[in-house]
Amino acid sequence: MCINVTCGLIEAEGKVLVARRAGNREHSGLWEFPGGKLSPGETESECLRREIREELGAEIRIERRLRPSLHWRSDRSLCLIPFVCSLVRGRPSPLEHDRILWAGGRELLRLSWCPADLPVLRQYLRERDPRLLEGLPDCGE
């Protein structure tokens, strides 16, 4: 079974917003790009806008879609659908995460990432600063 999940790479002032998973969830303590599961009848962009409102209390504008990434787990697979976004309203707050952070460059590489988000991070850095890819572990793309 494949679960479609959207995520937002929300950019501002040369940085991107990342969120750390709360202690009561799978992969707690690891960093991810915020987003969530697609609901029946919902478009990918509707899903991401809803999830960002629920998780961060903010409104976004979707700039462009990146290439989806498949991630296999023992019991299911995830299709992570990333979008580069910008804030249009609100100040993000960690409503469902234990912490959020605006990070850029090498700072992104120092974080401990959820396995499903590593290919998305790799794709993003390939566009933004390919030199940084040398510091990122291979994630089986």
N, C-alpha and C. Protein backbone atom coordinates (compact mmCIF):
# COMPACT_ATOMS: atom_id res chain seq x y z
N MET A 1 0.83 -1.17 0.00
CA MET A 1 0.00 0.00 0.00
C MET A 1 0.88 1.25 0.00
N CYS A 2 0.57 2.21 -0.86
CA CYS A 2 1.34 3.45 -0.95
C CYS A 2 0.50 4.60 -0.41
N ILE A 3 1.06 5.34 0.52
CA ILE A 3 0.38 6.49 1.13
C ILE A 3 0.97 7.76 0.53
N ASN A 4 0.11 8.61 -0.04
CA ASN A 4 0.55 9.89 -0.59
C ASN A 4 0.59 10.94 0.50
N VAL A 5 1.76 11.57 0.64
CA VAL A 5 2.00 12.56 1.67
C VAL A 5 2.63 13.78 1.01
N THR A 6 2.09 14.97 1.30
CA THR A 6 2.70 16.20 0.77
C THR A 6 3.63 16.79 1.83
N CYS A 7 4.60 17.57 1.37
CA CYS A 7 5.45 18.31 2.30
C CYS A 7 5.83 19.63 1.67
N GLY A 8 6.03 20.62 2.54
CA GLY A 8 6.35 21.95 2.07
C GLY A 8 7.75 22.38 2.47
N LEU A 9 8.49 22.86 1.49
CA LEU A 9 9.79 23.46 1.73
C LEU A 9 9.54 24.96 1.69
N ILE A 10 9.19 25.51 2.84
CA ILE A 10 8.78 26.91 2.94
C ILE A 10 10.04 27.77 3.06
N GLU A 11 10.24 28.63 2.07
CA GLU A 11 11.45 29.44 2.00
C GLU A 11 11.19 30.87 2.46
N ALA A 12 12.19 31.44 3.11
CA ALA A 12 12.19 32.86 3.48
C ALA A 12 13.62 33.28 3.77
N GLU A 13 14.03 34.37 3.17
CA GLU A 13 15.35 34.97 3.43
C GLU A 13 16.49 33.97 3.31
N GLY A 14 16.46 33.12 2.29
CA GLY A 14 17.54 32.18 2.04
C GLY A 14 17.54 30.95 2.94
N LYS A 15 16.49 30.77 3.72
CA LYS A 15 16.40 29.60 4.60
C LYS A 15 15.10 28.85 4.31
N VAL A 16 15.01 27.64 4.86
CA VAL A 16 13.82 26.81 4.69
C VAL A 16 13.36 26.36 6.07
N LEU A 17 12.04 26.28 6.25
CA LEU A 17 11.47 25.90 7.54
C LEU A 17 11.46 24.38 7.67
N VAL A 18 11.98 23.89 8.78
CA VAL A 18 11.97 22.46 9.08
C VAL A 18 11.33 22.27 10.45
N ALA A 19 10.81 21.08 10.68
CA ALA A 19 10.09 20.80 11.93
C ALA A 19 10.58 19.49 12.53
N ARG A 20 10.70 19.46 13.86
CA ARG A 20 11.13 18.24 14.55
C ARG A 20 9.90 17.50 15.09
N ARG A 21 9.86 16.21 14.76
CA ARG A 21 8.71 15.39 15.17
C ARG A 21 8.62 15.27 16.68
N ALA A 22 7.41 15.39 17.19
CA ALA A 22 7.17 15.34 18.63
C ALA A 22 7.43 13.94 19.19
N GLY A 23 7.61 13.85 20.50
CA GLY A 23 7.98 12.60 21.17
C GLY A 23 6.96 11.49 21.13
N ASN A 24 5.74 11.77 20.75
CA ASN A 24 4.71 10.73 20.76
C ASN A 24 4.44 10.15 19.37
N ARG A 25 5.31 10.38 18.41
CA ARG A 25 5.10 9.94 17.03
C ARG A 25 6.26 9.09 16.54
N GLU A 26 5.99 8.33 15.49
CA GLU A 26 7.06 7.56 14.84
C GLU A 26 8.16 8.54 14.40
N HIS A 27 9.39 8.15 14.54
CA HIS A 27 10.55 8.97 14.19
C HIS A 27 10.62 10.25 15.04
N SER A 28 10.15 10.18 16.28
CA SER A 28 10.20 11.36 17.15
C SER A 28 11.65 11.82 17.31
N GLY A 29 11.79 13.14 17.37
CA GLY A 29 13.11 13.74 17.53
C GLY A 29 13.86 13.95 16.22
N LEU A 30 13.31 13.45 15.11
CA LEU A 30 13.94 13.64 13.80
C LEU A 30 13.27 14.80 13.08
N TRP A 31 14.03 15.41 12.17
CA TRP A 31 13.55 16.59 11.45
C TRP A 31 12.90 16.18 10.14
N GLU A 32 11.93 17.01 9.72
CA GLU A 32 11.19 16.76 8.49
C GLU A 32 10.73 18.09 7.91
N PHE A 33 10.27 18.01 6.67
CA PHE A 33 9.57 19.14 6.07
C PHE A 33 8.10 18.97 6.43
N PRO A 34 7.44 20.01 6.93
CA PRO A 34 6.06 19.85 7.39
C PRO A 34 5.09 19.50 6.25
N GLY A 35 4.05 18.77 6.60
CA GLY A 35 3.03 18.36 5.64
C GLY A 35 2.25 17.20 6.19
N GLY A 36 1.58 16.46 5.31
CA GLY A 36 0.79 15.34 5.81
C GLY A 36 0.08 14.58 4.71
N LYS A 37 -0.73 13.63 5.15
CA LYS A 37 -1.40 12.69 4.25
C LYS A 37 -2.53 13.36 3.47
N LEU A 38 -2.61 12.94 2.22
CA LEU A 38 -3.68 13.37 1.33
C LEU A 38 -4.99 12.72 1.78
N SER A 39 -6.04 13.52 1.90
CA SER A 39 -7.38 13.00 2.22
C SER A 39 -8.12 12.69 0.93
N PRO A 40 -9.09 11.77 0.97
CA PRO A 40 -9.87 11.44 -0.23
C PRO A 40 -10.53 12.70 -0.82
N GLY A 41 -10.43 12.84 -2.14
CA GLY A 41 -11.03 13.95 -2.85
C GLY A 41 -10.26 15.26 -2.78
N GLU A 42 -9.10 15.25 -2.14
CA GLU A 42 -8.30 16.45 -1.95
C GLU A 42 -7.18 16.48 -2.98
N THR A 43 -6.89 17.65 -3.55
CA THR A 43 -5.74 17.76 -4.44
C THR A 43 -4.47 17.86 -3.59
N GLU A 44 -3.33 17.66 -4.22
CA GLU A 44 -2.06 17.75 -3.50
C GLU A 44 -1.87 19.14 -2.89
N SER A 45 -2.16 20.18 -3.66
CA SER A 45 -1.96 21.53 -3.14
C SER A 45 -2.96 21.86 -2.03
N GLU A 46 -4.20 21.41 -2.14
CA GLU A 46 -5.17 21.60 -1.06
C GLU A 46 -4.69 20.92 0.22
N CYS A 47 -4.18 19.72 0.07
CA CYS A 47 -3.66 18.97 1.21
C CYS A 47 -2.54 19.74 1.90
N LEU A 48 -1.58 20.21 1.14
CA LEU A 48 -0.45 20.90 1.75
C LEU A 48 -0.89 22.18 2.44
N ARG A 49 -1.76 22.95 1.81
CA ARG A 49 -2.24 24.18 2.45
C ARG A 49 -2.96 23.86 3.77
N ARG A 50 -3.80 22.82 3.77
CA ARG A 50 -4.52 22.41 4.99
C ARG A 50 -3.53 21.98 6.07
N GLU A 51 -2.59 21.13 5.69
CA GLU A 51 -1.63 20.62 6.67
C GLU A 51 -0.78 21.74 7.28
N ILE A 52 -0.38 22.71 6.50
CA ILE A 52 0.43 23.81 7.02
C ILE A 52 -0.41 24.67 7.97
N ARG A 53 -1.69 24.88 7.65
CA ARG A 53 -2.57 25.59 8.58
C ARG A 53 -2.68 24.82 9.90
N GLU A 54 -2.88 23.49 9.81
CA GLU A 54 -3.06 22.67 11.02
C GLU A 54 -1.77 22.55 11.83
N GLU A 55 -0.65 22.35 11.16
CA GLU A 55 0.62 22.09 11.85
C GLU A 55 1.35 23.34 12.29
N LEU A 56 1.19 24.43 11.51
CA LEU A 56 1.99 25.62 11.77
C LEU A 56 1.16 26.89 11.99
N GLY A 57 -0.13 26.84 11.70
CA GLY A 57 -0.97 28.02 11.84
C GLY A 57 -0.63 29.12 10.87
N ALA A 58 -0.18 28.77 9.67
CA ALA A 58 0.23 29.75 8.67
C ALA A 58 -0.39 29.42 7.31
N GLU A 59 -0.40 30.42 6.45
CA GLU A 59 -0.88 30.26 5.07
C GLU A 59 0.32 30.35 4.13
N ILE A 60 0.31 29.51 3.11
CA ILE A 60 1.42 29.46 2.16
C ILE A 60 0.94 29.70 0.73
N ARG A 61 1.89 30.05 -0.11
CA ARG A 61 1.69 30.07 -1.56
C ARG A 61 2.62 29.00 -2.12
N ILE A 62 2.07 28.14 -2.93
CA ILE A 62 2.88 27.09 -3.55
C ILE A 62 3.53 27.67 -4.80
N GLU A 63 4.85 27.58 -4.83
CA GLU A 63 5.62 28.12 -5.96
C GLU A 63 5.81 27.07 -7.05
N ARG A 64 6.20 25.86 -6.64
CA ARG A 64 6.40 24.80 -7.63
C ARG A 64 6.50 23.44 -6.94
N ARG A 65 6.20 22.43 -7.73
CA ARG A 65 6.24 21.04 -7.25
C ARG A 65 7.59 20.45 -7.62
N LEU A 66 8.18 19.73 -6.68
CA LEU A 66 9.41 18.99 -6.95
C LEU A 66 9.05 17.55 -7.30
N ARG A 67 10.03 16.77 -7.66
CA ARG A 67 9.81 15.37 -8.02
C ARG A 67 9.44 14.56 -6.78
N PRO A 68 8.36 13.80 -6.84
CA PRO A 68 7.98 12.95 -5.69
C PRO A 68 9.07 11.92 -5.39
N SER A 69 9.08 11.48 -4.16
CA SER A 69 10.07 10.52 -3.70
C SER A 69 9.37 9.34 -3.03
N LEU A 70 9.76 8.13 -3.41
CA LEU A 70 9.19 6.93 -2.79
C LEU A 70 10.08 6.49 -1.64
N HIS A 71 9.43 6.10 -0.55
CA HIS A 71 10.16 5.60 0.61
C HIS A 71 9.45 4.34 1.10
N TRP A 72 10.20 3.25 1.21
CA TRP A 72 9.61 1.97 1.62
C TRP A 72 9.87 1.73 3.09
N ARG A 73 8.82 1.30 3.78
CA ARG A 73 8.91 0.85 5.16
C ARG A 73 8.54 -0.62 5.17
N SER A 74 8.67 -1.24 6.31
CA SER A 74 8.39 -2.68 6.37
C SER A 74 6.93 -3.00 6.06
N ASP A 75 6.01 -2.13 6.46
CA ASP A 75 4.58 -2.43 6.30
C ASP A 75 3.88 -1.61 5.23
N ARG A 76 4.54 -0.60 4.68
CA ARG A 76 3.91 0.27 3.68
C ARG A 76 4.96 1.12 2.98
N SER A 77 4.52 1.79 1.94
CA SER A 77 5.43 2.73 1.28
C SER A 77 4.79 4.12 1.27
N LEU A 78 5.65 5.12 1.26
CA LEU A 78 5.20 6.50 1.22
C LEU A 78 5.62 7.12 -0.10
N CYS A 79 4.73 7.89 -0.68
CA CYS A 79 5.08 8.72 -1.82
C CYS A 79 5.07 10.15 -1.29
N LEU A 80 6.25 10.71 -1.07
CA LEU A 80 6.39 12.04 -0.52
C LEU A 80 6.40 13.04 -1.68
N ILE A 81 5.43 13.96 -1.67
CA ILE A 81 5.23 14.90 -2.77
C ILE A 81 5.62 16.29 -2.26
N PRO A 82 6.81 16.77 -2.64
CA PRO A 82 7.31 18.04 -2.10
C PRO A 82 6.96 19.24 -2.98
N PHE A 83 6.75 20.36 -2.31
CA PHE A 83 6.48 21.64 -2.97
C PHE A 83 7.36 22.71 -2.34
N VAL A 84 7.92 23.56 -3.17
CA VAL A 84 8.62 24.75 -2.68
C VAL A 84 7.54 25.81 -2.50
N CYS A 85 7.55 26.47 -1.34
CA CYS A 85 6.48 27.40 -0.97
C CYS A 85 7.05 28.68 -0.37
N SER A 86 6.17 29.65 -0.22
CA SER A 86 6.50 30.86 0.52
C SER A 86 5.35 31.18 1.46
N LEU A 87 5.64 31.90 2.52
CA LEU A 87 4.61 32.32 3.47
C LEU A 87 3.83 33.49 2.90
N VAL A 88 2.52 33.48 3.10
CA VAL A 88 1.72 34.63 2.71
C VAL A 88 1.02 35.26 3.91
N ARG A 89 0.82 34.48 4.99
CA ARG A 89 0.14 35.02 6.16
C ARG A 89 0.45 34.15 7.38
N GLY A 90 0.63 34.83 8.49
CA GLY A 90 0.86 34.11 9.74
C GLY A 90 2.33 33.92 10.05
N ARG A 91 2.57 33.66 11.31
CA ARG A 91 3.92 33.36 11.77
C ARG A 91 3.92 31.90 12.20
N PRO A 92 4.68 31.03 11.55
CA PRO A 92 4.64 29.60 11.88
C PRO A 92 4.95 29.32 13.35
N SER A 93 4.15 28.43 13.92
CA SER A 93 4.33 27.96 15.30
C SER A 93 4.29 26.44 15.30
N PRO A 94 5.03 25.79 16.18
CA PRO A 94 5.05 24.32 16.22
C PRO A 94 3.81 23.76 16.92
N LEU A 95 2.68 23.72 16.22
CA LEU A 95 1.43 23.25 16.81
C LEU A 95 1.38 21.73 16.96
N GLU A 96 2.07 21.01 16.07
CA GLU A 96 2.08 19.54 16.13
C GLU A 96 3.48 18.96 16.21
N HIS A 97 4.47 19.82 16.23
CA HIS A 97 5.88 19.40 16.35
C HIS A 97 6.41 19.93 17.67
N ASP A 98 7.56 19.43 18.10
CA ASP A 98 8.09 19.99 19.34
C ASP A 98 9.01 21.18 19.10
N ARG A 99 9.38 21.40 17.82
CA ARG A 99 10.25 22.53 17.50
C ARG A 99 10.21 22.79 16.01
N ILE A 100 10.33 24.06 15.63
CA ILE A 100 10.55 24.41 14.23
C ILE A 100 11.80 25.27 14.16
N LEU A 101 12.38 25.33 12.96
CA LEU A 101 13.65 26.03 12.79
C LEU A 101 13.76 26.50 11.36
N TRP A 102 14.22 27.74 11.18
CA TRP A 102 14.59 28.22 9.85
C TRP A 102 16.06 27.86 9.67
N ALA A 103 16.37 27.04 8.68
CA ALA A 103 17.74 26.57 8.49
C ALA A 103 18.16 26.73 7.03
N GLY A 104 19.42 26.89 6.83
CA GLY A 104 19.94 26.98 5.48
C GLY A 104 21.33 26.39 5.40
N GLY A 105 21.74 26.08 4.19
CA GLY A 105 23.09 25.61 3.95
C GLY A 105 23.52 24.45 4.81
N ARG A 106 24.70 24.57 5.38
CA ARG A 106 25.29 23.48 6.18
C ARG A 106 24.46 23.15 7.42
N GLU A 107 23.70 24.11 7.90
CA GLU A 107 22.85 23.86 9.07
C GLU A 107 21.86 22.73 8.78
N LEU A 108 21.35 22.67 7.57
CA LEU A 108 20.44 21.58 7.18
C LEU A 108 21.12 20.22 7.29
N LEU A 109 22.41 20.19 7.01
CA LEU A 109 23.15 18.92 7.04
C LEU A 109 23.44 18.44 8.46
N ARG A 110 23.41 19.34 9.42
CA ARG A 110 23.70 18.96 10.81
C ARG A 110 22.49 18.36 11.53
N LEU A 111 21.32 18.43 10.92
CA LEU A 111 20.10 17.91 11.54
C LEU A 111 19.97 16.41 11.31
N SER A 112 19.32 15.73 12.23
CA SER A 112 19.01 14.30 12.07
C SER A 112 17.65 14.21 11.39
N TRP A 113 17.62 13.69 10.16
CA TRP A 113 16.44 13.71 9.30
C TRP A 113 15.64 12.41 9.34
N CYS A 114 14.33 12.54 9.19
CA CYS A 114 13.48 11.36 8.94
C CYS A 114 13.95 10.75 7.62
N PRO A 115 14.05 9.44 7.55
CA PRO A 115 14.55 8.79 6.33
C PRO A 115 13.79 9.19 5.06
N ALA A 116 12.48 9.35 5.14
CA ALA A 116 11.70 9.69 3.94
C ALA A 116 12.02 11.08 3.41
N ASP A 117 12.50 11.98 4.27
CA ASP A 117 12.77 13.36 3.86
C ASP A 117 14.16 13.54 3.24
N LEU A 118 15.05 12.58 3.44
CA LEU A 118 16.41 12.71 2.90
C LEU A 118 16.45 12.88 1.38
N PRO A 119 15.72 12.08 0.59
CA PRO A 119 15.76 12.31 -0.86
C PRO A 119 15.22 13.68 -1.27
N VAL A 120 14.24 14.18 -0.53
CA VAL A 120 13.70 15.52 -0.82
C VAL A 120 14.75 16.57 -0.51
N LEU A 121 15.42 16.45 0.63
CA LEU A 121 16.49 17.37 0.97
C LEU A 121 17.58 17.34 -0.09
N ARG A 122 17.94 16.15 -0.53
CA ARG A 122 18.96 15.99 -1.57
C ARG A 122 18.57 16.71 -2.85
N GLN A 123 17.33 16.51 -3.26
CA GLN A 123 16.82 17.15 -4.48
C GLN A 123 16.85 18.69 -4.34
N TYR A 124 16.44 19.17 -3.19
CA TYR A 124 16.41 20.61 -2.93
C TYR A 124 17.83 21.19 -2.96
N LEU A 125 18.76 20.53 -2.30
CA LEU A 125 20.14 21.02 -2.28
C LEU A 125 20.79 20.94 -3.66
N ARG A 126 20.41 19.95 -4.44
CA ARG A 126 20.94 19.84 -5.80
C ARG A 126 20.61 21.10 -6.59
N GLU A 127 19.43 21.66 -6.36
CA GLU A 127 19.03 22.91 -7.02
C GLU A 127 19.70 24.13 -6.41
N ARG A 128 19.77 24.18 -5.08
CA ARG A 128 20.20 25.38 -4.37
C ARG A 128 21.71 25.51 -4.23
N ASP A 129 22.37 24.43 -3.83
CA ASP A 129 23.81 24.48 -3.59
C ASP A 129 24.38 23.07 -3.68
N PRO A 130 24.66 22.59 -4.90
CA PRO A 130 25.11 21.21 -5.09
C PRO A 130 26.36 20.84 -4.31
N ARG A 131 27.17 21.82 -3.93
CA ARG A 131 28.39 21.52 -3.16
C ARG A 131 28.06 20.88 -1.82
N LEU A 132 26.90 21.20 -1.29
CA LEU A 132 26.51 20.66 0.02
C LEU A 132 26.20 19.18 -0.03
N LEU A 133 25.92 18.65 -1.20
CA LEU A 133 25.55 17.23 -1.31
C LEU A 133 26.66 16.31 -0.83
N GLU A 134 27.88 16.77 -0.87
CA GLU A 134 29.01 15.95 -0.41
C GLU A 134 28.87 15.62 1.06
N GLY A 135 28.17 16.47 1.85
CA GLY A 135 28.02 16.24 3.27
C GLY A 135 26.77 15.47 3.66
N LEU A 136 25.99 15.07 2.66
CA LEU A 136 24.73 14.38 2.94
C LEU A 136 24.87 12.90 2.67
N PRO A 137 24.47 12.05 3.61
CA PRO A 137 24.59 10.59 3.38
C PRO A 137 23.76 10.15 2.20
N ASP A 138 24.26 9.13 1.51
CA ASP A 138 23.51 8.56 0.39
C ASP A 138 22.20 8.01 0.92
N CYS A 139 21.12 8.29 0.22
CA CYS A 139 19.82 7.85 0.70
C CYS A 139 19.12 6.96 -0.30
N GLY A 140 19.88 6.32 -1.16
CA GLY A 140 19.31 5.31 -2.05
C GLY A 140 18.41 5.84 -3.14
N GLU A 141 18.71 7.02 -3.65
CA GLU A 141 17.89 7.56 -4.74
C GLU A 141 18.03 6.74 -6.00
